[in-house]
Protein backbone atom coordinates (compact mmCIF):
# COMPACT_ATOMS: atom_id res chain seq x y z
CA MET A 1 102.30 88.44 84.07
CA ALA A 2 105.85 86.71 82.40
CA LEU A 3 107.53 87.99 85.76
CA HIS A 4 106.40 87.00 88.54
CA ARG A 5 108.32 87.96 92.20
CA LEU A 6 111.39 88.79 93.42
CA THR A 7 114.07 85.68 93.87
CA GLN A 8 116.46 87.10 96.47
CA ILE A 9 118.14 90.58 97.47
CA VAL A 10 121.73 90.59 98.69
CA MET A 11 122.11 93.74 101.11
CA GLY A 12 125.97 94.40 101.72
CA VAL A 13 126.72 95.73 104.94
CA PRO A 14 129.02 96.92 107.19
CA ASP A 15 129.35 94.62 110.56
CA VAL A 16 127.70 91.73 108.53
CA ALA A 17 127.41 89.44 111.27
CA ALA A 18 125.54 91.62 113.33
CA THR A 19 123.59 92.22 110.66
CA ALA A 20 123.06 88.35 109.81
CA ALA A 21 121.88 87.52 113.83
CA TYR A 22 119.38 90.74 113.62
CA TYR A 23 117.88 88.72 110.29
CA GLU A 24 117.87 84.97 112.19
CA ASP A 25 116.47 87.01 115.06
CA PHE A 26 113.54 88.89 112.05
CA GLY A 27 112.61 85.31 111.85
CA LEU A 28 114.67 83.60 108.71
CA THR A 29 116.17 80.06 108.23
CA PRO A 30 120.00 81.08 108.07
CA THR A 31 121.62 79.14 105.43
CA GLY A 32 125.49 78.91 105.77
CA GLY A 33 127.53 81.93 104.30
CA HIS A 34 124.97 84.10 106.49
CA ALA A 35 123.34 84.08 103.64
CA PHE A 36 119.15 83.09 104.82
CA ALA A 37 115.58 81.80 103.66
CA THR A 38 112.22 82.35 104.12
CA ALA A 39 109.01 79.56 104.48
CA ASP A 40 108.13 79.90 100.98
CA GLY A 41 110.63 81.94 98.38
CA GLY A 42 114.06 79.52 99.45
CA GLU A 43 116.73 81.66 99.83
CA GLN A 44 116.11 85.23 99.66
CA LEU A 45 118.84 87.00 101.42
CA ARG A 46 121.96 87.46 101.48
CA VAL A 47 124.41 89.94 103.30
CA VAL A 48 127.26 90.95 102.82
CA HIS A 49 130.63 93.35 103.43
CA SER A 50 130.10 97.06 102.36
CA GLU A 51 131.36 100.16 102.96
CA ARG A 52 128.36 101.55 103.50
CA ARG A 53 124.73 99.81 103.95
CA ARG A 54 123.58 99.62 100.13
CA LEU A 55 121.45 97.16 98.02
CA LEU A 56 124.06 95.15 96.08
CA ARG A 57 121.86 93.40 94.08
CA LEU A 58 118.33 92.86 93.42
CA GLY A 59 117.59 89.17 91.65
CA VAL A 60 113.58 89.15 89.44
CA GLY A 61 112.01 85.68 88.97
CA ALA A 62 110.54 84.42 85.07
CA ASP A 63 109.18 82.13 83.07
CA ASP A 64 111.12 81.08 81.00
CA PRO A 65 113.87 82.24 78.02
CA ASP A 66 111.37 85.09 76.16
CA ASP A 67 111.47 86.58 78.82
CA LEU A 68 114.85 87.02 79.60
CA ASP A 69 114.98 88.64 75.49
CA ARG A 70 112.71 90.20 76.34
CA VAL A 71 114.08 91.58 78.93
CA ALA A 72 117.64 92.26 76.99
CA SER A 73 116.14 93.99 74.08
CA SER A 74 113.73 96.81 76.14
CA LEU A 75 116.74 97.40 78.03
CA ALA A 76 119.48 98.21 75.64
CA ALA A 77 116.44 100.59 74.10
CA LEU A 78 117.06 103.30 76.67
CA ASP A 79 120.93 102.03 75.80
CA VAL A 80 121.66 100.62 79.57
CA ALA A 81 124.57 97.58 79.34
CA VAL A 82 123.33 94.90 79.24
CA GLU A 83 125.13 91.16 80.24
CA ARG A 84 122.52 88.50 78.78
CA THR A 85 124.12 84.48 79.89
CA ALA A 86 122.11 81.54 79.34
CA THR A 87 120.10 82.46 82.20
CA GLY A 88 119.84 85.29 83.07
CA VAL A 89 120.36 89.07 81.66
CA ARG A 90 121.84 91.41 84.01
CA ALA A 91 122.33 95.26 84.77
CA PHE A 92 122.29 97.85 86.53
CA ASP A 93 120.43 100.86 87.49
CA PRO A 94 122.71 104.35 87.85
CA GLY A 95 120.09 106.53 90.19
CA SER A 96 119.02 103.55 92.58
CA GLU A 97 123.07 102.20 92.41
CA VAL A 98 121.49 98.42 92.33
CA THR A 99 122.70 95.60 89.89
CA VAL A 100 119.23 93.72 89.12
CA GLU A 101 119.27 90.30 88.29
CA ILE A 102 116.11 88.88 85.80
CA GLY A 103 116.36 84.72 85.16
CA ILE A 104 114.04 81.86 84.93
CA ALA A 105 113.06 81.24 88.57
CA PRO A 106 109.66 78.67 89.41
CA ARG A 107 106.62 80.19 90.21
CA TYR A 108 105.89 80.56 93.96
CA GLU A 109 103.74 78.02 95.60
CA GLN A 110 102.54 78.46 98.74
CA PRO A 111 99.76 76.77 100.91
CA PRO A 112 97.44 78.46 102.01
CA THR A 113 97.04 80.54 105.49
CA PRO A 114 93.96 79.26 107.47
CA ALA A 115 91.40 82.93 107.68
CA PRO A 116 91.27 82.52 111.75
CA PRO A 117 87.30 83.45 113.41
CA TYR A 118 87.06 86.84 113.52
CA ASN A 119 83.49 87.52 115.22
CA THR A 120 82.05 90.60 114.57
CA PRO A 121 78.95 92.47 114.72
CA GLY A 122 76.35 89.96 114.24
CA VAL A 123 78.45 86.46 113.40
CA ASN A 124 79.66 84.59 116.42
CA ALA A 125 82.32 82.43 114.43
CA ARG A 126 84.43 81.74 117.40
CA VAL A 127 82.48 81.03 120.38
CA GLY A 128 83.39 79.11 123.69
CA GLU A 129 87.79 79.14 122.85
CA ARG A 130 90.28 82.13 122.45
CA ALA A 131 91.12 83.61 118.95
CA PRO A 132 93.59 81.14 117.86
CA GLY A 133 96.15 84.49 117.16
CA ILE A 134 96.56 84.31 121.35
CA LEU A 135 97.52 80.86 121.63
CA ARG A 136 100.39 80.48 119.30
CA ASP A 137 104.03 80.33 120.38
CA HIS A 138 105.87 79.09 117.44
CA PRO A 139 108.16 81.75 116.51
CA VAL A 140 107.14 83.57 113.17
CA ARG A 141 109.17 82.82 109.98
CA PRO A 142 108.14 85.10 107.25
CA ARG A 143 106.34 83.63 103.89
CA LYS A 144 108.48 86.17 101.35
CA LEU A 145 109.73 88.54 100.59
CA GLY A 146 108.04 90.98 99.45
CA HIS A 147 109.56 94.25 98.28
CA VAL A 148 111.79 96.69 98.46
CA VAL A 149 112.58 100.05 99.01
CA LEU A 150 115.10 101.63 97.06
CA GLY A 151 116.54 106.26 97.22
CA SER A 152 117.73 106.96 93.36
CA THR A 153 119.70 110.25 92.53
CA ASP A 154 117.06 109.95 89.60
CA GLN A 155 114.31 108.35 90.03
CA ALA A 156 112.43 108.80 86.65
CA PHE A 157 115.22 107.14 85.61
CA SER A 158 114.92 104.83 88.07
CA GLN A 159 111.04 104.62 87.29
CA ARG A 160 111.95 103.69 83.56
CA PHE A 161 114.81 101.14 84.09
CA PHE A 162 111.70 98.97 85.98
CA THR A 163 108.75 99.58 84.05
CA ASP A 164 110.27 100.06 80.05
CA GLY A 165 113.60 98.20 80.36
CA ILE A 166 112.39 95.55 83.07
CA GLY A 167 108.64 95.16 83.16
CA PHE A 168 107.19 96.15 85.36
CA LYS A 169 103.35 97.93 85.99
CA VAL A 170 102.70 100.84 87.85
CA SER A 171 100.30 100.34 91.06
CA ASP A 172 100.15 103.90 92.26
CA THR A 173 102.46 106.65 92.34
CA VAL A 174 103.66 110.77 94.01
CA PRO A 175 104.27 112.89 91.04
CA GLY A 176 108.04 113.15 91.49
CA LEU A 177 108.42 111.43 94.39
CA ALA A 178 108.12 108.22 94.46
CA ALA A 179 106.35 104.58 92.03
CA PHE A 180 105.14 101.75 93.09
CA LEU A 181 105.73 98.79 90.75
CA ARG A 182 104.61 95.35 90.75
CA CYS A 183 106.58 92.07 88.98
CA SER A 184 103.70 89.63 90.07
CA THR A 185 99.95 90.64 91.60
CA ASP A 186 101.13 91.20 94.48
CA HIS A 187 100.72 95.74 94.50
CA HIS A 188 104.00 96.37 95.05
CA ASN A 189 107.69 94.34 94.88
CA VAL A 190 110.05 97.59 94.45
CA LEU A 191 109.03 101.02 95.05
CA VAL A 192 111.09 103.67 94.13
CA GLN A 193 111.58 107.18 95.56
CA GLN A 194 113.64 110.33 94.84
CA ALA A 195 116.23 110.88 97.23
CA PRO A 196 119.46 112.83 97.59
CA VAL A 197 121.77 109.42 97.78
CA ALA A 198 120.99 106.07 96.70
CA PHE A 199 120.64 104.07 99.74
CA LEU A 200 118.40 101.16 100.92
CA HIS A 201 115.66 102.20 102.73
CA HIS A 202 113.69 99.66 103.65
CA THR A 203 112.75 96.05 103.01
CA SER A 204 109.54 93.90 103.80
CA TRP A 205 108.60 90.50 104.42
CA GLN A 206 105.59 88.66 104.04
CA VAL A 207 103.40 87.00 107.15
CA ASP A 208 100.56 85.19 107.96
CA ASP A 209 98.25 87.82 109.41
CA VAL A 210 98.34 90.79 111.56
CA ASP A 211 99.08 89.19 114.80
CA GLU A 212 102.15 87.59 113.20
CA VAL A 213 102.91 91.33 111.95
CA GLY A 214 102.44 91.86 115.97
CA ARG A 215 103.59 89.26 117.20
CA GLY A 216 107.32 89.68 115.00
CA ALA A 217 107.35 92.31 116.60
CA ALA A 218 107.03 92.30 120.16
CA ALA A 219 109.80 89.37 119.86
CA MET A 220 112.22 91.61 118.59
CA LEU A 221 111.72 94.58 120.67
CA GLU A 222 111.84 92.12 123.42
CA LYS A 223 115.45 90.91 122.89
CA ASP A 224 116.16 95.25 121.85
CA PRO A 225 113.66 97.70 122.94
CA SER A 226 115.70 100.69 120.06
CA ARG A 227 115.36 98.02 116.83
CA HIS A 228 111.29 100.37 116.93
CA VAL A 229 110.80 102.26 114.18
CA TRP A 230 107.40 102.71 113.44
CA GLY A 231 103.82 99.88 113.60
CA LEU A 232 101.46 99.31 114.32
CA GLY A 233 99.71 100.41 111.21
CA ARG A 234 97.99 100.47 108.60
CA HIS A 235 99.17 102.24 105.10
CA HIS A 236 97.09 103.11 102.68
CA VAL A 237 98.58 102.78 99.05
CA GLY A 238 98.73 98.96 99.18
CA SER A 239 96.16 98.51 102.18
CA ASN A 240 98.90 96.12 104.23
CA PHE A 241 99.36 96.18 108.03
CA PHE A 242 102.80 97.00 108.95
CA TRP A 243 105.55 96.88 111.65
CA TYR A 244 108.01 98.77 111.13
CA LEU A 245 111.95 98.18 112.78
CA ARG A 246 116.20 98.93 112.21
CA ASP A 247 118.98 96.03 111.52
CA PRO A 248 122.42 97.57 113.38
CA ALA A 249 123.17 98.98 110.00
CA GLY A 250 120.88 101.53 109.68
CA ASN A 251 118.12 99.37 107.09
CA PHE A 252 114.90 99.67 107.52
CA SER A 253 112.21 95.79 107.67
CA GLU A 254 108.68 95.49 107.79
CA TYR A 255 106.73 92.50 108.17
CA TYR A 256 103.60 93.06 106.52
CA SER A 257 100.82 91.46 106.17
CA ASP A 258 96.91 91.32 103.68
CA LEU A 259 98.90 94.06 100.85
CA ASP A 260 96.63 94.73 98.16
CA CYS A 261 96.10 91.87 94.65
CA ILE A 262 95.67 92.87 91.44
CA VAL A 263 94.95 89.76 89.72
CA ASP A 264 94.14 91.37 85.85
CA ASP A 265 95.09 94.44 85.71
CA ALA A 266 92.31 96.07 83.59
CA LEU A 267 90.67 96.04 86.93
CA TRP A 268 93.22 97.86 88.77
CA THR A 269 93.80 101.96 87.64
CA PRO A 270 96.47 103.91 89.33
CA GLN A 271 95.98 106.47 91.76
CA VAL A 272 98.95 109.29 91.84
CA TRP A 273 99.20 110.58 95.44
CA GLU A 274 100.09 113.36 97.16
CA GLY A 275 102.73 114.24 99.77
CA ALA A 276 102.47 111.63 102.15
CA ARG A 277 98.95 111.25 102.05
CA GLY A 278 98.23 107.54 101.10
CA LEU A 279 101.21 106.53 103.86
CA PHE A 280 99.17 104.77 106.79
CA ARG A 281 94.97 105.07 107.35
CA TRP A 282 95.60 104.96 110.59
CA GLY A 283 98.20 104.06 114.07
CA PRO A 284 101.14 106.14 114.58
CA PRO A 285 102.04 108.87 112.58
CA PRO A 286 105.81 108.28 110.95
CA PRO A 287 108.96 109.43 112.82
CA PRO A 288 111.34 111.75 111.06
CA SER A 289 114.09 109.31 110.85
CA PHE A 290 111.09 107.07 109.38
CA LEU A 291 111.30 109.51 106.02
CA ALA A 292 114.84 110.85 105.99
CA PRO A 293 116.89 108.58 107.79
CA GLU A 294 119.32 109.75 110.43
CA ASP A 295 122.91 108.48 108.50
CA LEU A 296 121.63 109.95 105.85
CA ALA A 297 124.14 112.73 105.77
CA GLU A 298 126.78 110.06 106.14
CA LEU A 299 125.44 108.32 102.89
CA MET A 300 125.63 110.83 101.47
CA THR A 301 129.41 111.69 102.04
CA GLY A 302 130.15 108.23 101.55
CA ALA A 303 130.79 107.81 105.64
CA HIS A 304 132.21 105.45 107.11
CA GLN A 305 128.54 103.53 108.52
CA PRO A 306 128.95 101.93 112.06
CA GLY A 307 127.61 98.41 112.43
């Protein structure tokens, strides 16, 4: 796949300082000017001022200039205005109200995480010692930005924008409601869902394993229990472990691990899921505020969002 990862997002919020402090607590590394880096992806988040919370820009990594020419041509075929520069392509999706920037970027080089020695029936992989996961005392630090979930007022066009225009591939769908789209070997990098207003539902950040999902969330909640949204659980679509938290602007952020990997398109068959069937395999049921964020009505009227 010529496209290979998400590079960076620019998040607009009313209270930049409070939101930036949250993402520093979340484990991202400040790089200056309310920008933050992951362990393996470099600078992947910038927080800037906006009257309402929203995703302003989404970066996608490509291999070479030929990939950029293809994207520019495909977007133009959709009657999308395209800005082509020597290093990238920029276009605006009216459904999600996000500007997507495709640029040449290096591929991830992620040092592998050693597999934890789990004791299972008939196999004692760890004898005479405690599990490594409970001995960790370092702060959880996300390895990379995995995906973003966007509300779109025109889901069908937004899906075409990302697939026919940019070159994302469909992993799974919920007919008339949502599509899980990938630009890498991850099961999904963008999920576009039908919504009454364009908004950012959540960002998702990879950590090493389920222990890091739990440890990260526990540390965030110890500092502020009101951050909790939903977790711990395991999604059905994508298979990943998850825990969702809420930032001061109202955006959800997810720690995740063990997401499905699609290396060979021929070996993956996209499925059609009805309603919430694929939302989770186990864990607590999602709260109503996860499916319809509490500030949705305010976003629809363009009201100023409290920080």
